[in-house]
Amino acid sequence: MAWVTRATVNTLYAWAANPGSRFELTLTDGRAFTVAFRHQETAIEAEPVMGFPARRDADFYRLTLRLMEI
């Protein structure tokens, strides 16, 4: 789980809307993986940090992504 801005959440939802899309996930240690959103379950869960809907793109959300390695 991580905190990200509303703008980032909106971008991730747009990416997840294309089920065939693949992405490169690079970890801090330099390892890279080709991944896709796991649509067999909820691919993205986002919840406002403050407990009420965010209004600005800079407001924060708690984020859970479900990815699978391709």
PDB file of N, CA and C in Angstrom:
ATOM      1  N   MET A   1       0.851  -1.165   0.000  1.00  0.00           N
ATOM      2  CA  MET A   1       0.000   0.000   0.000  1.00  0.00           C
ATOM      3  C   MET A   1       0.900   1.231   0.000  1.00  0.00           C
ATOM      4  N   ALA A   2       0.474   2.247  -0.734  1.00  0.00           N
ATOM      5  CA  ALA A   2       1.257   3.479  -0.821  1.00  0.00           C
ATOM      6  C   ALA A   2       0.312   4.671  -0.886  1.00  0.00           C
ATOM      7  N   TRP A   3       0.835   5.852  -0.630  1.00  0.00           N
ATOM      8  CA  TRP A   3       0.077   7.082  -0.826  1.00  0.00           C
ATOM      9  C   TRP A   3       0.506   7.691  -2.146  1.00  0.00           C
ATOM     10  N   VAL A   4      -0.469   8.082  -2.942  1.00  0.00           N
ATOM     11  CA  VAL A   4      -0.208   8.746  -4.219  1.00  0.00           C
ATOM     12  C   VAL A   4      -1.244   9.848  -4.402  1.00  0.00           C
ATOM     13  N   THR A   5      -0.979  10.749  -5.331  1.00  0.00           N
ATOM     14  CA  THR A   5      -1.916  11.841  -5.583  1.00  0.00           C
ATOM     15  C   THR A   5      -3.112  11.363  -6.401  1.00  0.00           C
ATOM     16  N   ARG A   6      -4.164  12.139  -6.344  1.00  0.00           N
ATOM     17  CA  ARG A   6      -5.361  11.843  -7.147  1.00  0.00           C
ATOM     18  C   ARG A   6      -5.010  11.797  -8.629  1.00  0.00           C
ATOM     19  N   ALA A   7      -4.124  12.673  -9.075  1.00  0.00           N
ATOM     20  CA  ALA A   7      -3.698  12.685 -10.478  1.00  0.00           C
ATOM     21  C   ALA A   7      -3.066  11.345 -10.855  1.00  0.00           C
ATOM     22  N   THR A   8      -2.242  10.793  -9.979  1.00  0.00           N
ATOM     23  CA  THR A   8      -1.623   9.486 -10.237  1.00  0.00           C
ATOM     24  C   THR A   8      -2.677   8.392 -10.283  1.00  0.00           C
ATOM     25  N   VAL A   9      -3.634   8.420  -9.364  1.00  0.00           N
ATOM     26  CA  VAL A   9      -4.721   7.431  -9.357  1.00  0.00           C
ATOM     27  C   VAL A   9      -5.478   7.475 -10.681  1.00  0.00           C
ATOM     28  N   ASN A  10      -5.804   8.673 -11.147  1.00  0.00           N
ATOM     29  CA  ASN A  10      -6.530   8.805 -12.416  1.00  0.00           C
ATOM     30  C   ASN A  10      -5.729   8.229 -13.578  1.00  0.00           C
ATOM     31  N   THR A  11      -4.428   8.469 -13.597  1.00  0.00           N
ATOM     32  CA  THR A  11      -3.568   7.919 -14.653  1.00  0.00           C
ATOM     33  C   THR A  11      -3.550   6.395 -14.597  1.00  0.00           C
ATOM     34  N   LEU A  12      -3.424   5.837 -13.406  1.00  0.00           N
ATOM     35  CA  LEU A  12      -3.392   4.379 -13.258  1.00  0.00           C
ATOM     36  C   LEU A  12      -4.706   3.741 -13.703  1.00  0.00           C
ATOM     37  N   TYR A  13      -5.837   4.356 -13.362  1.00  0.00           N
ATOM     38  CA  TYR A  13      -7.131   3.829 -13.816  1.00  0.00           C
ATOM     39  C   TYR A  13      -7.220   3.860 -15.340  1.00  0.00           C
ATOM     40  N   ALA A  14      -6.705   4.905 -15.959  1.00  0.00           N
ATOM     41  CA  ALA A  14      -6.710   4.985 -17.427  1.00  0.00           C
ATOM     42  C   ALA A  14      -5.852   3.872 -18.026  1.00  0.00           C
ATOM     43  N   TRP A  15      -4.691   3.625 -17.453  1.00  0.00           N
ATOM     44  CA  TRP A  15      -3.825   2.541 -17.941  1.00  0.00           C
ATOM     45  C   TRP A  15      -4.508   1.187 -17.757  1.00  0.00           C
ATOM     46  N   ALA A  16      -5.143   0.981 -16.614  1.00  0.00           N
ATOM     47  CA  ALA A  16      -5.785  -0.305 -16.320  1.00  0.00           C
ATOM     48  C   ALA A  16      -7.009  -0.555 -17.200  1.00  0.00           C
ATOM     49  N   ALA A  17      -7.561   0.481 -17.788  1.00  0.00           N
ATOM     50  CA  ALA A  17      -8.747   0.338 -18.643  1.00  0.00           C
ATOM     51  C   ALA A  17      -8.437  -0.410 -19.936  1.00  0.00           C
ATOM     52  N   ASN A  18      -7.161  -0.560 -20.269  1.00  0.00           N
ATOM     53  CA  ASN A  18      -6.735  -1.295 -21.465  1.00  0.00           C
ATOM     54  C   ASN A  18      -6.159  -2.639 -21.030  1.00  0.00           C
ATOM     55  N   PRO A  19      -6.987  -3.698 -21.004  1.00  0.00           N
ATOM     56  CA  PRO A  19      -6.550  -4.987 -20.452  1.00  0.00           C
ATOM     57  C   PRO A  19      -5.304  -5.590 -21.097  1.00  0.00           C
ATOM     58  N   GLY A  20      -5.011  -5.275 -22.341  1.00  0.00           N
ATOM     59  CA  GLY A  20      -3.846  -5.860 -23.003  1.00  0.00           C
ATOM     60  C   GLY A  20      -2.546  -5.115 -22.762  1.00  0.00           C
ATOM     61  N   SER A  21      -2.598  -4.024 -22.033  1.00  0.00           N
ATOM     62  CA  SER A  21      -1.402  -3.202 -21.825  1.00  0.00           C
ATOM     63  C   SER A  21      -0.386  -3.900 -20.934  1.00  0.00           C
ATOM     64  N   ARG A  22       0.883  -3.693 -21.270  1.00  0.00           N
ATOM     65  CA  ARG A  22       2.006  -4.206 -20.474  1.00  0.00           C
ATOM     66  C   ARG A  22       2.880  -3.029 -20.075  1.00  0.00           C
ATOM     67  N   PHE A  23       3.519  -3.163 -18.931  1.00  0.00           N
ATOM     68  CA  PHE A  23       4.328  -2.079 -18.385  1.00  0.00           C
ATOM     69  C   PHE A  23       5.631  -2.644 -17.849  1.00  0.00           C
ATOM     70  N   GLU A  24       6.637  -1.782 -17.740  1.00  0.00           N
ATOM     71  CA  GLU A  24       7.883  -2.192 -17.104  1.00  0.00           C
ATOM     72  C   GLU A  24       7.893  -1.646 -15.690  1.00  0.00           C
ATOM     73  N   LEU A  25       8.041  -2.537 -14.729  1.00  0.00           N
ATOM     74  CA  LEU A  25       8.149  -2.191 -13.318  1.00  0.00           C
ATOM     75  C   LEU A  25       9.608  -2.341 -12.926  1.00  0.00           C
ATOM     76  N   THR A  26      10.242  -1.239 -12.506  1.00  0.00           N
ATOM     77  CA  THR A  26      11.641  -1.268 -12.098  1.00  0.00           C
ATOM     78  C   THR A  26      11.716  -1.019 -10.595  1.00  0.00           C
ATOM     79  N   LEU A  27      12.329  -1.942  -9.884  1.00  0.00           N
ATOM     80  CA  LEU A  27      12.486  -1.824  -8.439  1.00  0.00           C
ATOM     81  C   LEU A  27      13.715  -0.981  -8.115  1.00  0.00           C
ATOM     82  N   THR A  28      13.812  -0.546  -6.861  1.00  0.00           N
ATOM     83  CA  THR A  28      14.921   0.323  -6.470  1.00  0.00           C
ATOM     84  C   THR A  28      16.279  -0.352  -6.591  1.00  0.00           C
ATOM     85  N   ASP A  29      16.307  -1.682  -6.587  1.00  0.00           N
ATOM     86  CA  ASP A  29      17.586  -2.385  -6.732  1.00  0.00           C
ATOM     87  C   ASP A  29      17.979  -2.597  -8.196  1.00  0.00           C
ATOM     88  N   GLY A  30      17.187  -2.049  -9.117  1.00  0.00           N
ATOM     89  CA  GLY A  30      17.520  -2.116 -10.534  1.00  0.00           C
ATOM     90  C   GLY A  30      16.872  -3.255 -11.301  1.00  0.00           C
ATOM     91  N   ARG A  31      16.282  -4.226 -10.596  1.00  0.00           N
ATOM     92  CA  ARG A  31      15.603  -5.317 -11.305  1.00  0.00           C
ATOM     93  C   ARG A  31      14.366  -4.771 -12.010  1.00  0.00           C
ATOM     94  N   ALA A  32      14.113  -5.288 -13.216  1.00  0.00           N
ATOM     95  CA  ALA A  32      12.967  -4.829 -14.003  1.00  0.00           C
ATOM     96  C   ALA A  32      12.106  -6.026 -14.396  1.00  0.00           C
ATOM     97  N   PHE A  33      10.801  -5.811 -14.399  1.00  0.00           N
ATOM     98  CA  PHE A  33       9.840  -6.859 -14.726  1.00  0.00           C
ATOM     99  C   PHE A  33       8.802  -6.296 -15.689  1.00  0.00           C
ATOM    100  N   THR A  34       8.345  -7.128 -16.614  1.00  0.00           N
ATOM    101  CA  THR A  34       7.219  -6.760 -17.464  1.00  0.00           C
ATOM    102  C   THR A  34       5.965  -7.234 -16.747  1.00  0.00           C
ATOM    103  N   VAL A  35       5.032  -6.303 -16.518  1.00  0.00           N
ATOM    104  CA  VAL A  35       3.836  -6.612 -15.739  1.00  0.00           C
ATOM    105  C   VAL A  35       2.583  -6.125 -16.457  1.00  0.00           C
ATOM    106  N   ALA A  36       1.452  -6.638 -15.993  1.00  0.00           N
ATOM    107  CA  ALA A  36       0.137  -6.187 -16.450  1.00  0.00           C
ATOM    108  C   ALA A  36      -0.777  -6.161 -15.231  1.00  0.00           C
ATOM    109  N   PHE A  37      -1.843  -5.401 -15.324  1.00  0.00           N
ATOM    110  CA  PHE A  37      -2.815  -5.378 -14.236  1.00  0.00           C
ATOM    111  C   PHE A  37      -3.533  -6.717 -14.168  1.00  0.00           C
ATOM    112  N   ARG A  38      -3.795  -7.195 -12.948  1.00  0.00           N
ATOM    113  CA  ARG A  38      -4.540  -8.448 -12.747  1.00  0.00           C
ATOM    114  C   ARG A  38      -6.027  -8.117 -12.749  1.00  0.00           C
ATOM    115  N   HIS A  39      -6.685  -8.411 -13.852  1.00  0.00           N
ATOM    116  CA  HIS A  39      -8.106  -8.094 -13.973  1.00  0.00           C
ATOM    117  C   HIS A  39      -9.000  -9.216 -13.458  1.00  0.00           C
ATOM    118  N   GLN A  40      -8.428 -10.344 -13.031  1.00  0.00           N
ATOM    119  CA  GLN A  40      -9.227 -11.419 -12.463  1.00  0.00           C
ATOM    120  C   GLN A  40      -9.798 -11.006 -11.103  1.00  0.00           C
ATOM    121  N   GLU A  41      -9.189 -10.020 -10.497  1.00  0.00           N
ATOM    122  CA  GLU A  41      -9.672  -9.435  -9.248  1.00  0.00           C
ATOM    123  C   GLU A  41      -9.568  -7.927  -9.405  1.00  0.00           C
ATOM    124  N   THR A  42      -9.852  -7.185  -8.381  1.00  0.00           N
ATOM    125  CA  THR A  42      -9.774  -5.732  -8.474  1.00  0.00           C
ATOM    126  C   THR A  42      -8.322  -5.316  -8.678  1.00  0.00           C
ATOM    127  N   ALA A  43      -8.033  -4.743  -9.840  1.00  0.00           N
ATOM    128  CA  ALA A  43      -6.656  -4.387 -10.190  1.00  0.00           C
ATOM    129  C   ALA A  43      -6.148  -3.196  -9.387  1.00  0.00           C
ATOM    130  N   ILE A  44      -7.034  -2.262  -9.087  1.00  0.00           N
ATOM    131  CA  ILE A  44      -6.641  -1.046  -8.364  1.00  0.00           C
ATOM    132  C   ILE A  44      -7.654  -0.777  -7.259  1.00  0.00           C
ATOM    133  N   GLU A  45      -7.148  -0.496  -6.075  1.00  0.00           N
ATOM    134  CA  GLU A  45      -7.989  -0.008  -4.982  1.00  0.00           C
ATOM    135  C   GLU A  45      -7.395   1.308  -4.524  1.00  0.00           C
ATOM    136  N   ALA A  46      -8.215   2.353  -4.509  1.00  0.00           N
ATOM    137  CA  ALA A  46      -7.752   3.675  -4.088  1.00  0.00           C
ATOM    138  C   ALA A  46      -8.779   4.266  -3.127  1.00  0.00           C
ATOM    139  N   GLU A  47      -8.282   4.777  -2.016  1.00  0.00           N
ATOM    140  CA  GLU A  47      -9.143   5.314  -0.969  1.00  0.00           C
ATOM    141  C   GLU A  47      -8.538   6.633  -0.480  1.00  0.00           C
ATOM    142  N   PRO A  48      -9.336   7.697  -0.382  1.00  0.00           N
ATOM    143  CA  PRO A  48      -8.787   8.973   0.084  1.00  0.00           C
ATOM    144  C   PRO A  48      -8.164   8.842   1.477  1.00  0.00           C
ATOM    145  N   VAL A  49      -7.000   9.416   1.657  1.00  0.00           N
ATOM    146  CA  VAL A  49      -6.299   9.357   2.942  1.00  0.00           C
ATOM    147  C   VAL A  49      -7.104  10.058   4.031  1.00  0.00           C
ATOM    148  N   MET A  50      -7.737  11.166   3.688  1.00  0.00           N
ATOM    149  CA  MET A  50      -8.465  11.958   4.675  1.00  0.00           C
ATOM    150  C   MET A  50      -9.849  11.391   4.991  1.00  0.00           C
ATOM    151  N   GLY A  51     -10.301  10.359   4.267  1.00  0.00           N
ATOM    152  CA  GLY A  51     -11.585   9.743   4.558  1.00  0.00           C
ATOM    153  C   GLY A  51     -12.769  10.344   3.827  1.00  0.00           C
ATOM    154  N   PHE A  52     -12.540  11.377   3.038  1.00  0.00           N
ATOM    155  CA  PHE A  52     -13.609  11.954   2.217  1.00  0.00           C
ATOM    156  C   PHE A  52     -13.053  12.192   0.824  1.00  0.00           C
ATOM    157  N   PRO A  53     -13.924  12.224  -0.199  1.00  0.00           N
ATOM    158  CA  PRO A  53     -13.432  12.318  -1.585  1.00  0.00           C
ATOM    159  C   PRO A  53     -12.513  13.517  -1.815  1.00  0.00           C
ATOM    160  N   ALA A  54     -11.429  13.254  -2.501  1.00  0.00           N
ATOM    161  CA  ALA A  54     -10.469  14.306  -2.831  1.00  0.00           C
ATOM    162  C   ALA A  54     -11.067  15.224  -3.890  1.00  0.00           C
ATOM    163  N   ARG A  55     -10.678  16.474  -3.853  1.00  0.00           N
ATOM    164  CA  ARG A  55     -11.175  17.449  -4.825  1.00  0.00           C
ATOM    165  C   ARG A  55     -10.077  17.956  -5.740  1.00  0.00           C
ATOM    166  N   ARG A  56      -8.848  17.916  -5.258  1.00  0.00           N
ATOM    167  CA  ARG A  56      -7.729  18.433  -6.051  1.00  0.00           C
ATOM    168  C   ARG A  56      -6.854  17.283  -6.508  1.00  0.00           C
ATOM    169  N   ASP A  57      -6.170  17.486  -7.622  1.00  0.00           N
ATOM    170  CA  ASP A  57      -5.266  16.457  -8.137  1.00  0.00           C
ATOM    171  C   ASP A  57      -4.104  16.182  -7.193  1.00  0.00           C
ATOM    172  N   ALA A  58      -3.803  17.116  -6.290  1.00  0.00           N
ATOM    173  CA  ALA A  58      -2.680  16.946  -5.365  1.00  0.00           C
ATOM    174  C   ALA A  58      -3.096  16.255  -4.061  1.00  0.00           C
ATOM    175  N   ASP A  59      -4.396  15.992  -3.862  1.00  0.00           N
ATOM    176  CA  ASP A  59      -4.854  15.294  -2.656  1.00  0.00           C
ATOM    177  C   ASP A  59      -4.393  13.836  -2.698  1.00  0.00           C
ATOM    178  N   PHE A  60      -4.174  13.265  -1.518  1.00  0.00           N
ATOM    179  CA  PHE A  60      -3.586  11.926  -1.446  1.00  0.00           C
ATOM    180  C   PHE A  60      -4.614  10.810  -1.265  1.00  0.00           C
ATOM    181  N   TYR A  61      -4.273   9.662  -1.869  1.00  0.00           N
ATOM    182  CA  TYR A  61      -5.049   8.426  -1.767  1.00  0.00           C
ATOM    183  C   TYR A  61      -4.129   7.311  -1.290  1.00  0.00           C
ATOM    184  N   ARG A  62      -4.701   6.355  -0.561  1.00  0.00           N
ATOM    185  CA  ARG A  62      -4.007   5.091  -0.277  1.00  0.00           C
ATOM    186  C   ARG A  62      -4.230   4.206  -1.487  1.00  0.00           C
ATOM    187  N   LEU A  63      -3.204   3.542  -1.945  1.00  0.00           N
ATOM    188  CA  LEU A  63      -3.284   2.801  -3.198  1.00  0.00           C
ATOM    189  C   LEU A  63      -2.795   1.371  -3.032  1.00  0.00           C
ATOM    190  N   THR A  64      -3.545   0.445  -3.604  1.00  0.00           N
ATOM    191  CA  THR A  64      -3.113  -0.941  -3.735  1.00  0.00           C
ATOM    192  C   THR A  64      -3.219  -1.314  -5.202  1.00  0.00           C
ATOM    193  N   LEU A  65      -2.116  -1.788  -5.785  1.00  0.00           N
ATOM    194  CA  LEU A  65      -2.102  -2.259  -7.175  1.00  0.00           C
ATOM    195  C   LEU A  65      -1.934  -3.767  -7.172  1.00  0.00           C
ATOM    196  N   ARG A  66      -2.650  -4.422  -8.056  1.00  0.00           N
ATOM    197  CA  ARG A  66      -2.472  -5.863  -8.236  1.00  0.00           C
ATOM    198  C   ARG A  66      -1.967  -6.090  -9.652  1.00  0.00           C
ATOM    199  N   LEU A  67      -0.722  -6.555  -9.711  1.00  0.00           N
ATOM    200  CA  LEU A  67      -0.054  -6.772 -10.995  1.00  0.00           C
ATOM    201  C   LEU A  67       0.348  -8.230 -11.116  1.00  0.00           C
ATOM    202  N   MET A  68       0.586  -8.648 -12.340  1.00  0.00           N
ATOM    203  CA  MET A  68       1.142  -9.980 -12.577  1.00  0.00           C
ATOM    204  C   MET A  68       2.312  -9.845 -13.530  1.00  0.00           C
ATOM    205  N   GLU A  69       3.306 -10.692 -13.330  1.00  0.00           N
ATOM    206  CA  GLU A  69       4.478 -10.683 -14.208  1.00  0.00           C
ATOM    207  C   GLU A  69       4.141 -11.428 -15.491  1.00  0.00           C
ATOM    208  N   ILE A  70       4.536 -10.841 -16.612  1.00  0.00           N
ATOM    209  CA  ILE A  70       4.288 -11.435 -17.935  1.00  0.00           C
ATOM    210  C   ILE A  70       5.537 -12.176 -18.383  1.00  0.00           C
TER     211      ILE A  70
END
